[in-house]
């Protein structure tokens, strides 16, 4: 029986959910090199910090492992993400975290930005079918056959709506007030941001849009300012922790960058609000939801200007949770609900 997986393959982070275990790691692919990192035995890293896979006979480090140990590591930031096979590699690396048997079959719900939905058929062609993936854990080698039996591609922010109106088993919360009227979703991503409208429980493409504004633009500006002030050259994917904490280690001392960060993100929020106000009459939306990894960062700046907006619980994983709930909802309609739920309990422990 296919296992239901919600998979949000963002430019910044991969987020996956099967109802039992959730995984989040940077969307970074790196060369594995000739020598694997050696643990000195002080701690056992979580699965997402030691993600080594072989696809098509070539070995890759993914996520944090690539950031720490790959000489060449990259995030694919083009609109098509067609550089190499990074989407397939990230997808299979994620699904390997859920593999327990030699043969594994999945029903995956994933998303594309509203402005990229014309790429859905191409994404399905790139991912669907039978694949071989090897996951290395320490000195152990685990070979898996992965079948992507069914892939549903939906407008990405709709996942957040489903996370609000469906429970984790795919049952409709019929008393949810968001099933009536207008719901606006502001999904701030790494490279782009999506605005989606739901009207009486239906997705409204005419009031949904993708704009080329994401927190990577703020990261780029912060990186330039750090270079100008401190002579530091940093790749944007290495700045996450410093931006969240508001401080940076410079030559062994902590430097407060919270003021610099806040100014950059205030300016970024203004750009997003210009786009939002050109698309929506915000006062006509009883519910405005802020979501996404960038939404977590930008929430307080946006809510200053849209006071009735609310940030969803665990915004970085909301779409993935909603995708999984939608997969389960579909499974319930076809009588697969209990069996797919049992399968979810087989995964190993995840990290949110």
Protein backbone atom coordinates (compact mmCIF):
# COMPACT_ATOMS: atom_id res chain seq x y z
CA UNK A 1 0.00 0.00 0.00
CA UNK A 2 1.31 3.45 -0.93
CA UNK A 3 2.51 5.56 1.98
CA UNK A 4 1.08 9.09 1.97
CA UNK A 5 3.76 11.78 2.07
CA UNK A 6 3.37 15.55 2.07
CA UNK A 7 6.48 17.00 0.43
CA UNK A 8 7.20 20.73 0.23
CA UNK A 9 10.33 21.20 -1.89
CA UNK A 10 11.02 24.87 -1.28
CA UNK A 11 14.00 26.82 -2.56
CA UNK A 12 15.18 27.26 1.02
CA UNK A 13 14.17 24.07 2.79
CA UNK A 14 12.75 20.64 2.13
CA UNK A 15 9.83 19.81 4.40
CA UNK A 16 8.23 16.37 4.58
CA UNK A 17 5.47 14.84 6.67
CA UNK A 18 3.84 11.41 6.91
CA UNK A 19 1.64 12.13 9.94
CA UNK A 20 4.08 10.46 12.30
CA UNK A 21 7.49 11.89 11.45
CA UNK A 22 8.40 15.28 10.04
CA UNK A 23 11.72 16.26 8.49
CA UNK A 24 13.16 19.67 7.60
CA UNK A 25 16.55 20.34 6.02
CA UNK A 26 18.12 22.96 3.72
CA UNK A 27 17.53 22.46 -0.02
CA UNK A 28 21.27 22.15 -0.60
CA UNK A 29 22.96 19.48 -2.69
CA UNK A 30 26.71 18.91 -2.45
CA UNK A 31 29.37 16.63 -3.84
CA UNK A 32 30.22 13.78 -1.49
CA UNK A 33 33.95 13.79 -2.21
CA UNK A 34 36.21 10.78 -1.78
CA UNK A 35 36.15 10.60 2.02
CA UNK A 36 33.11 10.57 4.29
CA UNK A 37 33.07 12.74 7.44
CA UNK A 38 34.12 10.80 10.53
CA UNK A 39 32.10 11.04 13.72
CA UNK A 40 34.28 11.43 16.80
CA UNK A 41 31.60 9.75 18.88
CA UNK A 42 30.42 12.68 20.97
CA UNK A 43 26.87 12.69 19.64
CA UNK A 44 24.59 10.88 17.27
CA UNK A 45 23.34 13.38 14.68
CA UNK A 46 19.66 13.40 13.73
CA UNK A 47 18.85 11.84 10.33
CA UNK A 48 18.65 15.16 8.51
CA UNK A 49 22.16 16.16 9.61
CA UNK A 50 23.75 13.00 8.20
CA UNK A 51 21.94 12.60 4.89
CA UNK A 52 24.14 10.79 2.37
CA UNK A 53 22.55 9.22 -0.69
CA UNK A 54 23.60 7.70 -3.97
CA UNK A 55 21.39 8.28 -7.01
CA UNK A 56 22.31 7.14 -10.51
CA UNK A 57 25.65 5.80 -9.27
CA UNK A 58 26.80 9.12 -7.82
CA UNK A 59 26.93 9.99 -4.12
CA UNK A 60 25.65 13.26 -2.67
CA UNK A 61 25.55 15.06 0.65
CA UNK A 62 22.24 16.79 1.31
CA UNK A 63 21.19 19.63 3.58
CA UNK A 64 23.35 20.44 6.61
CA UNK A 65 25.87 17.75 5.71
CA UNK A 66 26.48 19.41 2.32
CA UNK A 67 26.85 22.83 3.96
CA UNK A 68 29.41 21.50 6.45
CA UNK A 69 31.45 19.13 4.31
CA UNK A 70 30.97 19.61 0.54
CA UNK A 71 33.58 21.55 -1.39
CA UNK A 72 30.88 22.33 -3.97
CA UNK A 73 27.35 22.86 -2.62
CA UNK A 74 24.47 24.75 -4.15
CA UNK A 75 20.81 25.68 -3.95
CA UNK A 76 19.00 25.59 -7.27
CA UNK A 77 17.35 29.01 -7.51
CA UNK A 78 16.22 29.22 -11.14
CA UNK A 79 12.50 29.32 -11.84
CA UNK A 80 12.57 25.87 -13.46
CA UNK A 81 15.15 24.34 -11.07
CA UNK A 82 16.38 22.35 -14.06
CA UNK A 83 20.10 22.56 -13.23
CA UNK A 84 21.11 18.91 -13.06
CA UNK A 85 18.87 16.50 -11.18
CA UNK A 86 18.79 18.30 -7.86
CA UNK A 87 14.97 18.12 -7.52
CA UNK A 88 15.02 14.35 -8.06
CA UNK A 89 18.01 13.93 -5.73
CA UNK A 90 16.36 15.96 -2.96
CA UNK A 91 13.07 14.12 -3.43
CA UNK A 92 14.64 10.66 -3.29
CA UNK A 93 16.90 11.63 -0.41
CA UNK A 94 13.83 12.74 1.54
CA UNK A 95 11.84 9.61 0.74
CA UNK A 96 14.82 7.46 1.79
CA UNK A 97 14.21 8.77 5.33
CA UNK A 98 10.85 6.99 5.23
CA UNK A 99 12.06 3.73 3.68
CA UNK A 100 12.09 0.64 5.87
CA UNK A 101 11.78 -2.15 3.31
CA UNK A 102 13.78 -2.88 0.19
CA UNK A 103 10.69 -2.02 -1.89
CA UNK A 104 8.77 1.18 -1.07
CA UNK A 105 5.79 2.78 -2.79
CA UNK A 106 4.63 6.34 -2.16
CA UNK A 107 1.68 8.62 -2.88
CA UNK A 108 3.23 12.10 -2.79
CA UNK A 109 1.40 15.42 -2.66
CA UNK A 110 3.67 18.35 -3.40
CA UNK A 111 3.30 21.93 -4.53
CA UNK A 112 4.41 24.56 -6.99
CA UNK A 113 4.00 28.33 -6.71
CA UNK A 114 0.68 29.50 -8.21
CA UNK A 115 2.60 31.23 -10.98
CA UNK A 116 4.47 28.01 -11.84
CA UNK A 117 1.58 25.56 -12.03
CA UNK A 118 2.13 25.22 -15.78
CA UNK A 119 5.25 23.24 -14.82
CA UNK A 120 3.27 20.58 -12.95
CA UNK A 121 3.26 17.98 -15.74
CA UNK A 122 7.01 18.36 -16.22
CA UNK A 123 7.63 17.93 -12.48
CA UNK A 124 5.55 14.75 -12.44
CA UNK A 125 7.50 13.38 -15.44
CA UNK A 126 10.80 14.07 -13.67
CA UNK A 127 9.78 12.34 -10.45
CA UNK A 128 7.22 9.64 -11.21
CA UNK A 129 8.19 6.01 -11.68
CA UNK A 130 10.69 3.56 -10.21
CA UNK A 131 14.03 4.69 -8.77
CA UNK A 132 16.97 3.20 -6.92
CA UNK A 133 18.51 5.07 -4.02
CA UNK A 134 21.22 4.13 -1.54
CA UNK A 135 21.32 5.77 1.87
CA UNK A 136 24.47 5.56 3.96
CA UNK A 137 24.25 5.71 7.74
CA UNK A 138 27.72 5.54 9.26
CA UNK A 139 29.41 2.53 7.71
CA UNK A 140 26.09 0.91 6.79
CA UNK A 141 24.69 0.91 3.28
CA UNK A 142 20.93 0.63 2.72
CA UNK A 143 19.66 0.08 -0.83
CA UNK A 144 16.03 0.92 -1.57
CA UNK A 145 13.74 0.68 -4.56
CA UNK A 146 11.43 3.69 -4.51
CA UNK A 147 8.25 3.81 -6.55
CA UNK A 148 6.52 7.16 -6.88
CA UNK A 149 3.20 5.65 -7.85
CA UNK A 150 1.12 8.81 -7.72
CA UNK A 151 2.16 12.46 -7.51
CA UNK A 152 -0.38 15.25 -7.06
CA UNK A 153 0.95 18.77 -7.69
CA UNK A 154 -1.11 21.59 -6.21
CA UNK A 155 -0.69 25.36 -5.70
CA UNK A 156 1.75 25.48 -2.83
CA UNK A 157 -0.05 27.75 -0.31
CA UNK A 158 -3.16 25.55 -0.47
CA UNK A 159 -1.26 23.18 1.81
CA UNK A 160 -1.54 25.72 4.62
CA UNK A 161 -5.32 25.96 4.09
CA UNK A 162 -5.62 22.17 4.28
CA UNK A 163 -3.54 22.16 7.47
CA UNK A 164 -6.21 24.40 9.01
CA UNK A 165 -9.39 22.63 7.82
CA UNK A 166 -8.26 18.97 7.86
CA UNK A 167 -6.95 17.06 10.84
CA UNK A 168 -3.79 14.93 10.69
CA UNK A 169 -5.81 11.86 9.68
CA UNK A 170 -7.43 13.66 6.74
CA UNK A 171 -10.83 14.25 8.34
CA UNK A 172 -12.60 17.53 7.53
CA UNK A 173 -13.02 19.93 10.43
CA UNK A 174 -16.58 20.80 9.46
CA UNK A 175 -16.86 23.51 12.11
CA UNK A 176 -13.88 25.43 10.70
CA UNK A 177 -14.89 29.07 10.01
CA UNK A 178 -12.40 29.13 7.12
CA UNK A 179 -14.67 26.95 4.97
CA UNK A 180 -16.83 30.05 4.30
CA UNK A 181 -15.83 33.45 2.96
CA UNK A 182 -12.40 34.58 1.81
CA UNK A 183 -9.11 33.29 3.15
CA UNK A 184 -5.89 34.97 2.03
CA UNK A 185 -2.62 33.11 2.40
CA UNK A 186 0.74 34.90 2.36
CA UNK A 187 3.41 32.25 1.83
CA UNK A 188 6.84 33.87 2.05
CA UNK A 189 9.50 31.63 0.59
CA UNK A 190 13.22 31.77 0.07
CA UNK A 191 13.27 32.99 -3.54
CA UNK A 192 9.61 33.83 -4.23
CA UNK A 193 6.45 34.60 -2.30
CA UNK A 194 2.98 33.30 -3.07
CA UNK A 195 -0.39 34.88 -2.40
CA UNK A 196 -3.36 32.52 -2.60
CA UNK A 197 -7.06 33.13 -2.15
CA UNK A 198 -9.61 30.55 -1.02
CA UNK A 199 -13.28 31.47 -1.50
CA UNK A 200 -15.87 29.27 0.23
CA UNK A 201 -13.41 26.39 0.30
CA UNK A 202 -12.36 26.74 -3.37
CA UNK A 203 -9.00 27.92 -4.70
CA UNK A 204 -9.36 31.18 -6.65
CA UNK A 205 -6.57 31.51 -9.26
CA UNK A 206 -7.67 35.01 -10.31
CA UNK A 207 -6.74 36.31 -6.86
CA UNK A 208 -3.56 34.27 -6.46
CA UNK A 209 -0.08 35.21 -7.59
CA UNK A 210 3.63 34.46 -7.35
CA UNK A 211 6.05 37.37 -7.00
CA UNK A 212 9.86 37.22 -7.30
CA UNK A 213 10.39 38.50 -3.77
CA UNK A 214 11.61 36.20 -1.01
CA UNK A 215 13.83 36.29 2.02
CA UNK A 216 16.84 35.42 -0.16
CA UNK A 217 16.73 39.06 -1.29
CA UNK A 218 17.11 40.10 2.34
CA UNK A 219 19.87 37.53 2.81
CA UNK A 220 21.72 38.88 -0.23
CA UNK A 221 21.55 42.44 1.09
CA UNK A 222 22.68 41.37 4.56
CA UNK A 223 25.57 39.41 3.02
CA UNK A 224 26.66 42.49 1.08
CA UNK A 225 26.50 44.69 4.18
CA UNK A 226 28.49 42.16 6.23
CA UNK A 227 31.12 42.09 3.51
CA UNK A 228 31.31 45.89 3.43
CA UNK A 229 31.46 46.30 7.23
CA UNK A 230 33.47 43.27 8.35
CA UNK A 231 35.08 41.87 5.20
CA UNK A 232 33.04 38.67 5.60
CA UNK A 233 32.07 36.73 2.50
CA UNK A 234 29.24 34.34 3.30
CA UNK A 235 27.01 32.18 1.09
CA UNK A 236 23.36 32.92 1.84
CA UNK A 237 22.68 29.35 2.97
CA UNK A 238 25.17 29.82 5.82
CA UNK A 239 23.35 32.85 7.27
CA UNK A 240 20.18 31.20 8.60
CA UNK A 241 21.28 30.87 12.21
CA UNK A 242 22.87 34.32 12.37
CA UNK A 243 19.76 36.02 11.00
CA UNK A 244 17.42 34.14 13.34
CA UNK A 245 19.61 34.87 16.38
CA UNK A 246 20.41 38.43 15.34
CA UNK A 247 24.12 37.96 15.99
CA UNK A 248 27.17 36.79 14.10
CA UNK A 249 30.51 35.37 15.14
CA UNK A 250 33.31 37.59 13.80
CA UNK A 251 36.85 36.54 14.70
CA UNK A 252 35.63 34.76 17.83
CA UNK A 253 33.40 37.56 19.12
CA UNK A 254 29.63 38.01 18.89
CA UNK A 255 28.44 40.94 16.80
CA UNK A 256 24.84 42.17 17.10
CA UNK A 257 23.28 42.38 13.63
CA UNK A 258 19.64 42.60 14.78
CA UNK A 259 19.31 46.29 13.83
CA UNK A 260 20.72 45.67 10.37
CA UNK A 261 18.46 42.62 9.94
CA UNK A 262 15.34 44.48 11.05
CA UNK A 263 15.91 47.36 8.65
CA UNK A 264 16.45 45.01 5.70
CA UNK A 265 13.33 42.97 6.51
CA UNK A 266 11.21 46.08 7.11
CA UNK A 267 12.07 47.18 3.57
CA UNK A 268 11.31 43.69 2.27
CA UNK A 269 7.93 43.70 4.04
CA UNK A 270 7.08 47.00 2.34
CA UNK A 271 7.76 45.44 -1.08
CA UNK A 272 5.54 42.48 -0.25
CA UNK A 273 2.74 44.74 1.00
CA UNK A 274 2.79 46.74 -2.23
CA UNK A 275 2.19 43.48 -4.14
CA UNK A 276 -0.49 42.28 -1.71
CA UNK A 277 -2.44 45.53 -1.87
CA UNK A 278 -2.33 45.50 -5.68
CA UNK A 279 -3.97 42.05 -5.68
CA UNK A 280 -6.37 42.07 -2.70
CA UNK A 281 -8.70 44.38 -0.87
CA UNK A 282 -7.32 43.09 2.40
CA UNK A 283 -10.30 44.32 4.44
CA UNK A 284 -12.52 41.90 2.45
CA UNK A 285 -10.54 38.96 3.83
CA UNK A 286 -11.74 37.87 7.29
CA UNK A 287 -8.78 35.50 7.48
CA UNK A 288 -5.23 36.31 6.39
CA UNK A 289 -2.71 33.57 7.13
CA UNK A 290 1.07 34.06 7.12
CA UNK A 291 3.00 30.89 6.41
CA UNK A 292 6.25 29.46 5.05
CA UNK A 293 9.81 29.55 6.31
CA UNK A 294 10.06 33.16 5.22
CA UNK A 295 6.70 33.84 6.85
CA UNK A 296 8.19 32.82 10.16
CA UNK A 297 10.90 35.45 9.68
CA UNK A 298 8.67 38.16 8.18
CA UNK A 299 5.56 37.72 10.33
CA UNK A 300 6.11 40.55 12.79
CA UNK A 301 6.97 43.01 10.03
CA UNK A 302 3.86 42.11 7.99
CA UNK A 303 1.46 42.06 10.95
CA UNK A 304 2.39 45.65 11.79
CA UNK A 305 0.58 46.59 8.56
CA UNK A 306 -2.11 43.86 8.46
CA UNK A 307 -3.20 43.69 12.12
CA UNK A 308 -5.81 40.94 11.63
CA UNK A 309 -3.31 38.61 9.95
CA UNK A 310 -2.21 35.59 11.95
CA UNK A 311 0.84 33.40 11.68
CA UNK A 312 -0.08 29.73 11.42
CA UNK A 313 1.31 27.23 13.87
CA UNK A 314 4.77 25.98 12.81
CA UNK A 315 4.63 27.94 9.54
CA UNK A 316 7.74 26.36 8.03
CA UNK A 317 6.03 22.95 7.88
CA UNK A 318 2.39 24.01 7.41
CA UNK A 319 2.29 23.27 3.68
CA UNK A 320 3.83 19.82 4.11
CA UNK A 321 1.40 18.97 6.91
CA UNK A 322 -1.50 20.12 4.75
CA UNK A 323 -0.26 18.13 1.75
CA UNK A 324 -0.14 15.01 3.91
CA UNK A 325 -3.62 15.70 5.30
CA UNK A 326 -4.94 16.08 1.74
CA UNK A 327 -3.31 12.79 0.73
CA UNK A 328 -4.97 11.12 3.70
CA UNK A 329 -8.31 12.76 2.81
CA UNK A 330 -8.04 11.23 -0.66
CA UNK A 331 -7.09 7.89 0.87
CA UNK A 332 -10.17 7.99 3.09
CA UNK A 333 -12.40 8.62 0.08
CA UNK A 334 -11.08 5.44 -1.56
CA UNK A 335 -11.14 3.30 1.59
CA UNK A 336 -7.35 3.35 2.10
CA UNK A 337 -7.32 5.54 5.21
CA UNK A 338 -6.60 3.03 7.97
CA UNK A 339 -3.93 1.16 6.07
CA UNK A 340 -2.08 4.30 5.04
CA UNK A 341 -2.26 5.47 8.64
CA UNK A 342 -0.69 2.22 9.86
CA UNK A 343 2.15 2.64 7.38
CA UNK A 344 2.98 6.05 8.82
CA UNK A 345 3.97 4.53 12.14
CA UNK A 346 6.84 2.59 10.59
CA UNK A 347 9.15 5.61 10.04
CA UNK A 348 12.10 6.41 12.27
CA UNK A 349 12.12 9.47 14.50
CA UNK A 350 12.06 12.77 12.68
CA UNK A 351 13.09 16.31 13.51
CA UNK A 352 10.78 19.26 13.09
